[in-house]
Structures are given as structure tokens and as C-alpha cells.
Amino acid sequence: MNKVIRGLSIVAALALFSSLSSGSLAGAIVPGNIIWYEFGFHGPGMFAVNGSGTTPSSGGNSQQADDPPWTYTSADLTIVRITDAFTTGETFTLFDNATIVGSTSVPVGSPSPTTNDPEIAFPQPAYSHGAFTLPAGAHSLTIRQDAGSPGAGYFEVEVPEPASAGLLLLAGATSLLRRVRAATNMGG
């Protein structure tokens, strides 16, 4: 019995060591966690793969994505942002539950500067990028490369601030302004 327990302990320790030393692959996608997930791609017409073997962002704001499909469930609408980085020329199409959601922009011009940081690459017209709003619910994301060379890109899942919070802030500011005006009119 002790030999069996010792054998199982060794197997468990090896499995733990193997998982820790294999890099930090993302588990389930966590909407709103402010981390970009890095994925690899191998050529036009092929679907993106996990991010193992890719170069991490110089901004320290990414982690390697696990094998697709990338899944999550959200009670709120979410925004999936995708960007190319490193070299330019790649474009992508986002799928949710095997249905096309949309395609990223066609790159225009040369990047200034060239970057592997998705926060810097996303707003640059030289890097293909897109933001896609998805409704609340269960999502299963895949990304297809449509043009360009093999390489790596990034995606993130944002949860926008609820519109009601903005409306409450506006109502509060309006109420405060009315009180200030009323106090000013009463005093003078």
C-alpha cells in the first residue's frame, strides 16, 4: 500500500512540475481582467493556435492564450479587441460559436514605432485591429488569419462600464448643479 501511495505521490509531483515549467498558458478567458491573450497563427486561411512559443509583450500586459476555442460566460455585454503586433500585414476574422462576428481592419502605412505591445499596436493604423461587441451569454471564440505571414497577435475581452453608471453620474451632476444655482439665486 505504501508503495502505491509513494508512486502516486511521485506521479503527482511530476505532473505539477511539468505544468509549472511549461509556461503560463491562460485557462478560461476572464472578461475585464486587463490582460491581453497572445495567440499564434500559421498563415492565411488557418485558425489561430495557443500562444506557446510566442514572445511576450514588452509592455508586460499579456499572457499566452491556451488552446482555442477560448470560452467565457458573461452576464454583461463584452467587447473583444484583436490586434496584430510585431510585423504588419496580417488581418483576422473573429468567430463566436462558429459564427462570423467581424474582421479586423486592413493595415495602412508603416508602424511608428514597430511594437510587440498590444496597447501601443491597437490604435496604430499600420496594425490590423478591431473591436467587436458581443451580447451577454456564453461565448466560444476562434480567430482565423485572413492575410499576411505566420506570427503572433493579441486579443482581450473587456467589460464596458454599464451605461446606467454613466447616467447616474450625469443625474447626480445635474442635481448638484441645480442645488448650487438655487443656493446662488436665494443668496443674491
N, C-alpha and C. Protein backbone atom coordinates (compact mmCIF):
# COMPACT_ATOMS: atom_id res chain seq x y z
N MET A 1 0.82 -1.19 0.00
CA MET A 1 0.00 0.00 0.00
C MET A 1 0.87 1.26 0.00
N ASN A 2 1.94 1.25 0.82
CA ASN A 2 2.83 2.41 0.88
C ASN A 2 3.52 2.66 -0.45
N LYS A 3 3.86 1.58 -1.18
CA LYS A 3 4.50 1.73 -2.48
C LYS A 3 3.55 2.40 -3.48
N VAL A 4 2.28 2.05 -3.40
CA VAL A 4 1.29 2.65 -4.31
C VAL A 4 1.16 4.14 -4.01
N ILE A 5 1.05 4.49 -2.72
CA ILE A 5 0.92 5.90 -2.34
C ILE A 5 2.16 6.67 -2.74
N ARG A 6 3.35 6.10 -2.51
CA ARG A 6 4.60 6.75 -2.90
C ARG A 6 4.66 6.92 -4.42
N GLY A 7 4.24 5.93 -5.16
CA GLY A 7 4.23 6.01 -6.63
C GLY A 7 3.28 7.09 -7.12
N LEU A 8 2.08 7.15 -6.51
CA LEU A 8 1.12 8.19 -6.88
C LEU A 8 1.65 9.58 -6.52
N SER A 9 2.34 9.69 -5.41
CA SER A 9 2.91 10.98 -5.00
C SER A 9 3.95 11.45 -5.99
N ILE A 10 4.78 10.53 -6.47
CA ILE A 10 5.81 10.88 -7.45
C ILE A 10 5.16 11.32 -8.76
N VAL A 11 4.13 10.59 -9.20
CA VAL A 11 3.43 10.95 -10.44
C VAL A 11 2.78 12.33 -10.28
N ALA A 12 2.15 12.60 -9.14
CA ALA A 12 1.52 13.90 -8.90
C ALA A 12 2.57 15.01 -8.89
N ALA A 13 3.71 14.77 -8.26
CA ALA A 13 4.77 15.78 -8.21
C ALA A 13 5.31 16.06 -9.61
N LEU A 14 5.50 15.01 -10.41
CA LEU A 14 5.98 15.21 -11.78
C LEU A 14 4.97 15.98 -12.62
N ALA A 15 3.70 15.68 -12.44
CA ALA A 15 2.66 16.39 -13.19
C ALA A 15 2.64 17.86 -12.80
N LEU A 16 2.76 18.15 -11.50
CA LEU A 16 2.78 19.53 -11.03
C LEU A 16 4.00 20.26 -11.60
N PHE A 17 5.18 19.64 -11.52
CA PHE A 17 6.41 20.25 -12.05
C PHE A 17 6.28 20.51 -13.54
N SER A 18 5.71 19.55 -14.26
CA SER A 18 5.54 19.69 -15.70
C SER A 18 4.62 20.86 -16.02
N SER A 19 3.52 21.01 -15.28
CA SER A 19 2.59 22.10 -15.57
C SER A 19 3.20 23.46 -15.22
N LEU A 20 4.01 23.52 -14.18
CA LEU A 20 4.64 24.78 -13.79
C LEU A 20 5.75 25.18 -14.74
N SER A 21 6.45 24.23 -15.29
CA SER A 21 7.59 24.55 -16.14
C SER A 21 7.21 24.73 -17.60
N SER A 22 5.95 24.49 -17.95
CA SER A 22 5.57 24.57 -19.35
C SER A 22 5.15 25.97 -19.78
N GLY A 23 5.31 26.96 -18.93
CA GLY A 23 4.93 28.32 -19.28
C GLY A 23 3.58 28.66 -18.68
N SER A 24 3.19 29.91 -18.82
CA SER A 24 1.93 30.33 -18.21
C SER A 24 0.86 30.46 -19.28
N LEU A 25 0.26 29.35 -19.63
CA LEU A 25 -0.83 29.37 -20.58
C LEU A 25 -2.10 29.78 -19.86
N ALA A 26 -2.91 30.59 -20.51
CA ALA A 26 -4.16 31.05 -19.91
C ALA A 26 -5.11 29.89 -19.74
N GLY A 27 -5.91 29.93 -18.68
CA GLY A 27 -7.00 28.99 -18.52
C GLY A 27 -8.20 29.56 -19.24
N ALA A 28 -9.34 29.58 -18.56
CA ALA A 28 -10.53 30.19 -19.14
C ALA A 28 -10.29 31.68 -19.32
N ILE A 29 -10.91 32.25 -20.35
CA ILE A 29 -10.79 33.68 -20.59
C ILE A 29 -11.60 34.39 -19.51
N VAL A 30 -11.00 35.42 -18.93
CA VAL A 30 -11.66 36.18 -17.87
C VAL A 30 -11.96 37.57 -18.41
N PRO A 31 -13.23 37.86 -18.71
CA PRO A 31 -13.57 39.18 -19.22
C PRO A 31 -13.20 40.27 -18.22
N GLY A 32 -12.64 41.36 -18.72
CA GLY A 32 -12.34 42.52 -17.89
C GLY A 32 -11.10 42.41 -17.04
N ASN A 33 -10.22 41.44 -17.31
CA ASN A 33 -9.04 41.28 -16.45
C ASN A 33 -7.83 42.11 -16.89
N ILE A 34 -7.99 42.98 -17.85
CA ILE A 34 -6.98 43.89 -18.40
C ILE A 34 -5.70 43.20 -18.89
N ILE A 35 -5.78 41.95 -19.20
CA ILE A 35 -4.65 41.21 -19.76
C ILE A 35 -4.99 40.85 -21.20
N TRP A 36 -4.03 41.04 -22.09
CA TRP A 36 -4.18 40.60 -23.47
C TRP A 36 -3.75 39.14 -23.54
N TYR A 37 -4.46 38.36 -24.32
CA TYR A 37 -4.10 36.96 -24.55
C TYR A 37 -3.36 36.88 -25.89
N GLU A 38 -2.18 36.29 -25.87
CA GLU A 38 -1.36 36.20 -27.08
C GLU A 38 -1.60 34.86 -27.76
N PHE A 39 -1.84 34.91 -29.08
CA PHE A 39 -2.08 33.70 -29.86
C PHE A 39 -1.10 33.65 -31.03
N GLY A 40 -0.90 32.46 -31.55
CA GLY A 40 -0.05 32.27 -32.73
C GLY A 40 -0.91 31.99 -33.95
N PHE A 41 -0.34 32.21 -35.13
CA PHE A 41 -1.04 31.88 -36.38
C PHE A 41 -0.03 31.45 -37.41
N HIS A 42 -0.47 30.59 -38.33
CA HIS A 42 0.45 29.93 -39.25
C HIS A 42 0.24 30.24 -40.73
N GLY A 43 -0.68 31.13 -41.06
CA GLY A 43 -0.86 31.52 -42.46
C GLY A 43 -2.33 31.75 -42.78
N PRO A 44 -2.57 32.47 -43.88
CA PRO A 44 -3.94 32.79 -44.29
C PRO A 44 -4.80 31.54 -44.44
N GLY A 45 -6.04 31.67 -43.95
CA GLY A 45 -7.00 30.57 -44.03
C GLY A 45 -6.92 29.62 -42.85
N MET A 46 -5.92 29.77 -42.00
CA MET A 46 -5.77 28.87 -40.85
C MET A 46 -6.24 29.58 -39.58
N PHE A 47 -6.72 28.78 -38.65
CA PHE A 47 -7.19 29.34 -37.39
C PHE A 47 -6.03 29.49 -36.41
N ALA A 48 -6.15 30.52 -35.57
CA ALA A 48 -5.13 30.81 -34.56
C ALA A 48 -4.99 29.63 -33.60
N VAL A 49 -3.80 29.54 -33.02
CA VAL A 49 -3.48 28.47 -32.07
C VAL A 49 -3.07 29.11 -30.75
N ASN A 50 -2.74 28.28 -29.78
CA ASN A 50 -2.32 28.82 -28.48
C ASN A 50 -1.06 29.67 -28.62
N GLY A 51 -0.73 30.38 -27.58
CA GLY A 51 0.40 31.30 -27.62
C GLY A 51 1.72 30.70 -27.18
N SER A 52 1.79 29.38 -27.00
CA SER A 52 3.07 28.80 -26.58
C SER A 52 4.11 29.05 -27.66
N GLY A 53 5.28 29.47 -27.25
CA GLY A 53 6.36 29.74 -28.19
C GLY A 53 6.36 31.16 -28.73
N THR A 54 5.38 31.97 -28.35
CA THR A 54 5.37 33.36 -28.80
C THR A 54 6.17 34.23 -27.84
N THR A 55 6.57 35.40 -28.31
CA THR A 55 7.34 36.34 -27.49
C THR A 55 6.38 37.19 -26.68
N PRO A 56 6.51 37.23 -25.36
CA PRO A 56 5.60 38.04 -24.55
C PRO A 56 5.70 39.53 -24.89
N SER A 57 4.64 40.25 -24.63
CA SER A 57 4.61 41.70 -24.85
C SER A 57 5.66 42.40 -24.02
N SER A 58 6.32 43.38 -24.62
CA SER A 58 7.30 44.18 -23.88
C SER A 58 6.62 45.06 -22.84
N GLY A 59 5.30 45.23 -22.96
CA GLY A 59 4.55 46.03 -22.00
C GLY A 59 4.19 45.27 -20.74
N GLY A 60 4.49 43.95 -20.70
CA GLY A 60 4.16 43.15 -19.53
C GLY A 60 2.66 43.02 -19.32
N ASN A 61 1.87 43.18 -20.37
CA ASN A 61 0.41 43.19 -20.26
C ASN A 61 -0.26 42.04 -21.00
N SER A 62 0.47 40.92 -21.14
CA SER A 62 -0.10 39.79 -21.88
C SER A 62 0.27 38.47 -21.22
N GLN A 63 -0.47 37.46 -21.61
CA GLN A 63 -0.12 36.08 -21.26
C GLN A 63 -0.47 35.21 -22.45
N GLN A 64 0.18 34.08 -22.54
CA GLN A 64 -0.06 33.19 -23.66
C GLN A 64 -1.44 32.55 -23.55
N ALA A 65 -2.18 32.60 -24.64
CA ALA A 65 -3.51 32.00 -24.67
C ALA A 65 -3.38 30.48 -24.72
N ASP A 66 -4.33 29.82 -24.11
CA ASP A 66 -4.41 28.37 -24.16
C ASP A 66 -4.97 27.97 -25.52
N ASP A 67 -5.16 26.67 -25.73
CA ASP A 67 -5.73 26.20 -26.99
C ASP A 67 -7.13 26.76 -27.21
N PRO A 68 -7.45 27.18 -28.44
CA PRO A 68 -8.81 27.61 -28.74
C PRO A 68 -9.73 26.39 -28.84
N PRO A 69 -11.03 26.55 -28.75
CA PRO A 69 -11.71 27.83 -28.65
C PRO A 69 -11.53 28.42 -27.26
N TRP A 70 -11.54 29.77 -27.21
CA TRP A 70 -11.42 30.50 -25.95
C TRP A 70 -12.82 30.80 -25.47
N THR A 71 -13.15 30.33 -24.28
CA THR A 71 -14.53 30.38 -23.81
C THR A 71 -14.68 31.22 -22.55
N TYR A 72 -15.84 31.82 -22.44
CA TYR A 72 -16.22 32.53 -21.22
C TYR A 72 -17.73 32.75 -21.26
N THR A 73 -18.28 33.04 -20.10
CA THR A 73 -19.68 33.41 -19.97
C THR A 73 -19.74 34.74 -19.23
N SER A 74 -20.57 35.65 -19.71
CA SER A 74 -20.67 36.97 -19.08
C SER A 74 -22.14 37.35 -18.94
N ALA A 75 -22.46 37.95 -17.81
CA ALA A 75 -23.81 38.47 -17.58
C ALA A 75 -24.01 39.82 -18.27
N ASP A 76 -22.91 40.43 -18.72
CA ASP A 76 -22.96 41.74 -19.38
C ASP A 76 -22.43 41.61 -20.80
N LEU A 77 -22.69 42.63 -21.61
CA LEU A 77 -22.07 42.62 -22.94
C LEU A 77 -20.57 42.78 -22.77
N THR A 78 -19.83 42.30 -23.73
CA THR A 78 -18.37 42.38 -23.69
C THR A 78 -17.87 42.92 -25.02
N ILE A 79 -16.65 43.42 -25.01
CA ILE A 79 -16.00 43.89 -26.23
C ILE A 79 -14.72 43.08 -26.41
N VAL A 80 -14.62 42.39 -27.52
CA VAL A 80 -13.41 41.64 -27.85
C VAL A 80 -12.56 42.52 -28.75
N ARG A 81 -11.35 42.82 -28.30
CA ARG A 81 -10.41 43.62 -29.10
C ARG A 81 -9.32 42.68 -29.60
N ILE A 82 -9.01 42.79 -30.88
CA ILE A 82 -7.97 41.98 -31.51
C ILE A 82 -6.99 42.93 -32.17
N THR A 83 -5.69 42.64 -32.05
CA THR A 83 -4.69 43.44 -32.76
C THR A 83 -3.53 42.58 -33.22
N ASP A 84 -3.00 42.96 -34.35
CA ASP A 84 -1.75 42.42 -34.82
C ASP A 84 -0.65 43.18 -34.08
N ALA A 85 0.54 42.68 -34.09
CA ALA A 85 1.70 43.36 -33.50
C ALA A 85 2.94 42.82 -34.22
N PHE A 86 4.10 43.19 -33.74
CA PHE A 86 5.37 42.74 -34.32
C PHE A 86 5.48 43.27 -35.75
N THR A 87 5.28 42.44 -36.76
CA THR A 87 5.32 42.90 -38.15
C THR A 87 3.89 43.18 -38.61
N THR A 88 3.75 43.97 -39.66
CA THR A 88 2.41 44.35 -40.13
C THR A 88 1.99 43.49 -41.31
N GLY A 89 0.72 43.60 -41.67
CA GLY A 89 0.22 42.94 -42.87
C GLY A 89 -0.80 41.85 -42.61
N GLU A 90 -0.97 41.43 -41.35
CA GLU A 90 -1.92 40.36 -41.06
C GLU A 90 -3.31 40.95 -40.80
N THR A 91 -4.33 40.23 -41.21
CA THR A 91 -5.72 40.56 -40.88
C THR A 91 -6.39 39.31 -40.34
N PHE A 92 -7.47 39.51 -39.57
CA PHE A 92 -8.12 38.39 -38.88
C PHE A 92 -9.63 38.50 -38.94
N THR A 93 -10.30 37.37 -38.77
CA THR A 93 -11.75 37.32 -38.61
C THR A 93 -12.05 36.64 -37.29
N LEU A 94 -12.94 37.26 -36.50
CA LEU A 94 -13.36 36.70 -35.22
C LEU A 94 -14.63 35.89 -35.42
N PHE A 95 -14.65 34.70 -34.82
CA PHE A 95 -15.82 33.83 -34.81
C PHE A 95 -16.26 33.64 -33.36
N ASP A 96 -17.57 33.60 -33.14
CA ASP A 96 -18.13 33.28 -31.83
C ASP A 96 -19.13 32.16 -32.05
N ASN A 97 -18.91 31.04 -31.39
CA ASN A 97 -19.75 29.86 -31.56
C ASN A 97 -19.88 29.50 -33.05
N ALA A 98 -18.75 29.53 -33.76
CA ALA A 98 -18.62 29.16 -35.17
C ALA A 98 -19.35 30.11 -36.13
N THR A 99 -19.76 31.28 -35.64
CA THR A 99 -20.42 32.28 -36.48
C THR A 99 -19.50 33.49 -36.61
N ILE A 100 -19.37 34.01 -37.84
CA ILE A 100 -18.51 35.18 -38.05
C ILE A 100 -19.09 36.39 -37.31
N VAL A 101 -18.23 37.04 -36.55
CA VAL A 101 -18.59 38.26 -35.83
C VAL A 101 -18.14 39.47 -36.65
N GLY A 102 -16.90 39.42 -37.16
CA GLY A 102 -16.38 40.53 -37.94
C GLY A 102 -14.91 40.35 -38.23
N SER A 103 -14.38 41.24 -39.06
CA SER A 103 -12.97 41.18 -39.46
C SER A 103 -12.24 42.44 -39.02
N THR A 104 -10.93 42.30 -38.81
CA THR A 104 -10.11 43.43 -38.40
C THR A 104 -9.83 44.32 -39.61
N SER A 105 -9.31 45.50 -39.32
CA SER A 105 -9.04 46.50 -40.35
C SER A 105 -7.90 46.05 -41.28
N VAL A 106 -7.87 46.65 -42.46
CA VAL A 106 -6.76 46.45 -43.38
C VAL A 106 -5.65 47.41 -42.93
N PRO A 107 -4.42 46.91 -42.73
CA PRO A 107 -3.35 47.80 -42.28
C PRO A 107 -3.03 48.89 -43.30
N VAL A 108 -2.72 50.09 -42.79
CA VAL A 108 -2.41 51.23 -43.65
C VAL A 108 -1.09 51.85 -43.19
N GLY A 109 -0.13 51.97 -44.10
CA GLY A 109 1.14 52.63 -43.79
C GLY A 109 2.10 51.75 -43.00
N SER A 110 3.11 52.39 -42.44
CA SER A 110 4.12 51.70 -41.65
C SER A 110 3.97 52.09 -40.19
N PRO A 111 4.20 51.13 -39.28
CA PRO A 111 4.05 51.46 -37.86
C PRO A 111 5.15 52.39 -37.37
N SER A 112 4.78 53.21 -36.43
CA SER A 112 5.77 54.10 -35.82
C SER A 112 5.48 54.17 -34.33
N PRO A 113 6.21 53.52 -33.50
CA PRO A 113 7.29 52.58 -33.80
C PRO A 113 6.74 51.16 -34.00
N THR A 114 7.59 50.26 -34.46
CA THR A 114 7.23 48.85 -34.51
C THR A 114 7.16 48.36 -33.08
N THR A 115 6.16 47.52 -32.76
CA THR A 115 6.00 47.14 -31.36
C THR A 115 5.44 45.73 -31.22
N ASN A 116 5.69 45.16 -30.05
CA ASN A 116 5.03 43.90 -29.70
C ASN A 116 4.11 44.12 -28.49
N ASP A 117 3.86 45.41 -28.15
CA ASP A 117 2.95 45.75 -27.05
C ASP A 117 1.57 46.01 -27.65
N PRO A 118 0.56 45.19 -27.30
CA PRO A 118 -0.76 45.35 -27.91
C PRO A 118 -1.41 46.70 -27.62
N GLU A 119 -1.13 47.31 -26.48
CA GLU A 119 -1.71 48.62 -26.17
C GLU A 119 -1.17 49.70 -27.10
N ILE A 120 0.06 49.55 -27.54
CA ILE A 120 0.65 50.50 -28.49
C ILE A 120 0.21 50.18 -29.92
N ALA A 121 0.14 48.89 -30.25
CA ALA A 121 -0.21 48.48 -31.61
C ALA A 121 -1.68 48.75 -31.94
N PHE A 122 -2.59 48.53 -30.97
CA PHE A 122 -4.03 48.60 -31.27
C PHE A 122 -4.46 49.90 -31.94
N PRO A 123 -4.07 51.08 -31.48
CA PRO A 123 -4.57 52.30 -32.12
C PRO A 123 -3.85 52.68 -33.42
N GLN A 124 -2.75 52.00 -33.75
CA GLN A 124 -2.00 52.36 -34.95
C GLN A 124 -2.65 51.80 -36.21
N PRO A 125 -2.88 52.64 -37.23
CA PRO A 125 -3.50 52.14 -38.47
C PRO A 125 -2.63 51.13 -39.21
N ALA A 126 -1.33 51.10 -38.95
CA ALA A 126 -0.43 50.16 -39.63
C ALA A 126 -0.63 48.74 -39.14
N TYR A 127 -1.22 48.58 -37.95
CA TYR A 127 -1.51 47.24 -37.42
C TYR A 127 -3.00 46.96 -37.56
N SER A 128 -3.33 45.82 -38.13
CA SER A 128 -4.72 45.41 -38.25
C SER A 128 -5.31 45.25 -36.85
N HIS A 129 -6.52 45.78 -36.65
CA HIS A 129 -7.15 45.68 -35.35
C HIS A 129 -8.66 45.81 -35.49
N GLY A 130 -9.37 45.42 -34.46
CA GLY A 130 -10.82 45.55 -34.46
C GLY A 130 -11.37 45.38 -33.06
N ALA A 131 -12.54 45.96 -32.82
CA ALA A 131 -13.25 45.83 -31.54
C ALA A 131 -14.66 45.36 -31.87
N PHE A 132 -15.07 44.28 -31.24
CA PHE A 132 -16.34 43.62 -31.56
C PHE A 132 -17.17 43.45 -30.30
N THR A 133 -18.38 44.00 -30.31
CA THR A 133 -19.28 43.91 -29.16
C THR A 133 -20.07 42.61 -29.23
N LEU A 134 -20.05 41.88 -28.12
CA LEU A 134 -20.80 40.62 -28.02
C LEU A 134 -21.82 40.75 -26.90
N PRO A 135 -23.01 40.16 -27.08
CA PRO A 135 -24.04 40.25 -26.05
C PRO A 135 -23.69 39.38 -24.84
N ALA A 136 -24.42 39.59 -23.76
CA ALA A 136 -24.25 38.73 -22.59
C ALA A 136 -24.52 37.29 -23.00
N GLY A 137 -23.87 36.36 -22.31
CA GLY A 137 -24.11 34.95 -22.59
C GLY A 137 -22.82 34.15 -22.66
N ALA A 138 -22.96 32.92 -23.19
CA ALA A 138 -21.82 32.02 -23.33
C ALA A 138 -21.16 32.25 -24.68
N HIS A 139 -19.82 32.31 -24.67
CA HIS A 139 -19.07 32.59 -25.90
C HIS A 139 -17.96 31.58 -26.08
N SER A 140 -17.71 31.24 -27.34
CA SER A 140 -16.66 30.32 -27.72
C SER A 140 -15.95 30.95 -28.92
N LEU A 141 -14.79 31.56 -28.65
CA LEU A 141 -14.11 32.38 -29.65
C LEU A 141 -13.02 31.62 -30.40
N THR A 142 -12.95 31.86 -31.69
CA THR A 142 -11.83 31.42 -32.52
C THR A 142 -11.48 32.59 -33.44
N ILE A 143 -10.24 32.59 -33.90
CA ILE A 143 -9.76 33.67 -34.77
C ILE A 143 -9.08 33.04 -35.98
N ARG A 144 -9.48 33.49 -37.17
CA ARG A 144 -8.87 33.00 -38.41
C ARG A 144 -7.98 34.09 -38.99
N GLN A 145 -6.79 33.69 -39.41
CA GLN A 145 -5.91 34.62 -40.12
C GLN A 145 -6.38 34.70 -41.57
N ASP A 146 -6.57 35.91 -42.07
CA ASP A 146 -7.05 36.09 -43.44
C ASP A 146 -5.96 36.52 -44.41
N ALA A 147 -4.94 37.22 -43.93
CA ALA A 147 -3.86 37.70 -44.80
C ALA A 147 -2.60 37.83 -43.99
N GLY A 148 -1.45 37.83 -44.68
CA GLY A 148 -0.17 38.07 -44.03
C GLY A 148 0.65 36.82 -43.81
N SER A 149 1.68 36.98 -43.00
CA SER A 149 2.65 35.92 -42.72
C SER A 149 2.36 35.27 -41.37
N PRO A 150 2.94 34.10 -41.11
CA PRO A 150 2.80 33.50 -39.77
C PRO A 150 3.38 34.42 -38.70
N GLY A 151 2.83 34.36 -37.50
CA GLY A 151 3.31 35.21 -36.42
C GLY A 151 2.47 35.10 -35.18
N ALA A 152 2.30 36.24 -34.50
CA ALA A 152 1.54 36.28 -33.25
C ALA A 152 0.71 37.56 -33.19
N GLY A 153 -0.39 37.48 -32.49
CA GLY A 153 -1.26 38.62 -32.26
C GLY A 153 -1.87 38.53 -30.88
N TYR A 154 -2.77 39.45 -30.58
CA TYR A 154 -3.34 39.52 -29.24
C TYR A 154 -4.85 39.74 -29.31
N PHE A 155 -5.54 39.27 -28.27
CA PHE A 155 -6.94 39.66 -28.07
C PHE A 155 -7.18 39.85 -26.58
N GLU A 156 -8.18 40.64 -26.27
CA GLU A 156 -8.62 40.82 -24.89
C GLU A 156 -10.13 40.91 -24.88
N VAL A 157 -10.71 40.63 -23.73
CA VAL A 157 -12.16 40.71 -23.58
C VAL A 157 -12.45 41.74 -22.49
N GLU A 158 -13.02 42.86 -22.90
CA GLU A 158 -13.34 43.94 -21.97
C GLU A 158 -14.80 43.88 -21.56
N VAL A 159 -15.07 44.34 -20.35
CA VAL A 159 -16.44 44.54 -19.89
C VAL A 159 -16.61 46.04 -19.73
N PRO A 160 -17.36 46.68 -20.64
CA PRO A 160 -17.50 48.14 -20.53
C PRO A 160 -18.29 48.52 -19.30
N GLU A 161 -18.04 49.74 -18.84
CA GLU A 161 -18.80 50.25 -17.70
C GLU A 161 -20.26 50.32 -18.11
N PRO A 162 -21.12 49.85 -17.26
CA PRO A 162 -22.56 49.89 -17.63
C PRO A 162 -23.01 51.32 -17.91
N ALA A 163 -23.83 51.46 -18.91
CA ALA A 163 -24.34 52.79 -19.29
C ALA A 163 -25.11 53.42 -18.14
N SER A 164 -25.74 52.59 -17.33
CA SER A 164 -26.52 53.13 -16.22
C SER A 164 -25.63 53.88 -15.24
N ALA A 165 -24.39 53.45 -15.06
CA ALA A 165 -23.48 54.15 -14.16
C ALA A 165 -23.19 55.55 -14.69
N GLY A 166 -23.01 55.67 -15.98
CA GLY A 166 -22.78 56.98 -16.59
C GLY A 166 -24.00 57.87 -16.46
N LEU A 167 -25.18 57.29 -16.64
CA LEU A 167 -26.40 58.07 -16.49
C LEU A 167 -26.60 58.53 -15.05
N LEU A 168 -26.29 57.67 -14.09
CA LEU A 168 -26.40 58.06 -12.68
C LEU A 168 -25.44 59.20 -12.36
N LEU A 169 -24.24 59.14 -12.90
CA LEU A 169 -23.26 60.21 -12.68
C LEU A 169 -23.77 61.52 -13.27
N LEU A 170 -24.34 61.47 -14.46
CA LEU A 170 -24.90 62.66 -15.11
C LEU A 170 -26.07 63.22 -14.29
N ALA A 171 -26.95 62.35 -13.81
CA ALA A 171 -28.08 62.79 -12.99
C ALA A 171 -27.59 63.44 -11.69
N GLY A 172 -26.58 62.86 -11.08
CA GLY A 172 -26.03 63.43 -9.85
C GLY A 172 -25.41 64.81 -10.10
N ALA A 173 -24.68 64.94 -11.20
CA ALA A 173 -24.06 66.23 -11.53
C ALA A 173 -25.13 67.27 -11.82
N THR A 174 -26.19 66.89 -12.52
CA THR A 174 -27.29 67.81 -12.82
C THR A 174 -27.97 68.27 -11.53
N SER A 175 -28.20 67.32 -10.63
CA SER A 175 -28.83 67.64 -9.36
C SER A 175 -27.96 68.60 -8.55
N LEU A 176 -26.67 68.35 -8.51
CA LEU A 176 -25.74 69.22 -7.79
C LEU A 176 -25.73 70.62 -8.40
N LEU A 177 -25.72 70.70 -9.72
CA LEU A 177 -25.73 71.99 -10.40
C LEU A 177 -27.00 72.77 -10.06
N ARG A 178 -28.15 72.09 -10.03
CA ARG A 178 -29.41 72.74 -9.68
C ARG A 178 -29.36 73.28 -8.25
N ARG A 179 -28.79 72.51 -7.33
CA ARG A 179 -28.70 72.95 -5.94
C ARG A 179 -27.79 74.18 -5.82
N VAL A 180 -26.67 74.17 -6.53
CA VAL A 180 -25.75 75.30 -6.49
C VAL A 180 -26.44 76.54 -7.05
N ARG A 181 -27.15 76.40 -8.17
CA ARG A 181 -27.87 77.53 -8.79
C ARG A 181 -28.96 78.04 -7.84
N ALA A 182 -29.70 77.10 -7.22
CA ALA A 182 -30.77 77.51 -6.30
C ALA A 182 -30.18 78.26 -5.11
N ALA A 183 -29.07 77.78 -4.58
CA ALA A 183 -28.44 78.44 -3.43
C ALA A 183 -27.92 79.82 -3.83
N THR A 184 -27.39 79.94 -5.04
CA THR A 184 -26.87 81.22 -5.52
C THR A 184 -28.02 82.20 -5.72
N ASN A 185 -29.14 81.75 -6.28
CA ASN A 185 -30.30 82.61 -6.51
C ASN A 185 -30.93 83.07 -5.19
N MET A 186 -30.92 82.21 -4.17
CA MET A 186 -31.51 82.55 -2.88
C MET A 186 -30.65 83.58 -2.16
N GLY A 187 -29.36 83.48 -2.34
CA GLY A 187 -28.44 84.38 -1.64
C GLY A 187 -28.28 85.72 -2.32
N GLY A 188 -28.73 85.90 -3.50
CA GLY A 188 -28.43 87.15 -4.15
C GLY A 188 -29.46 87.56 -5.06
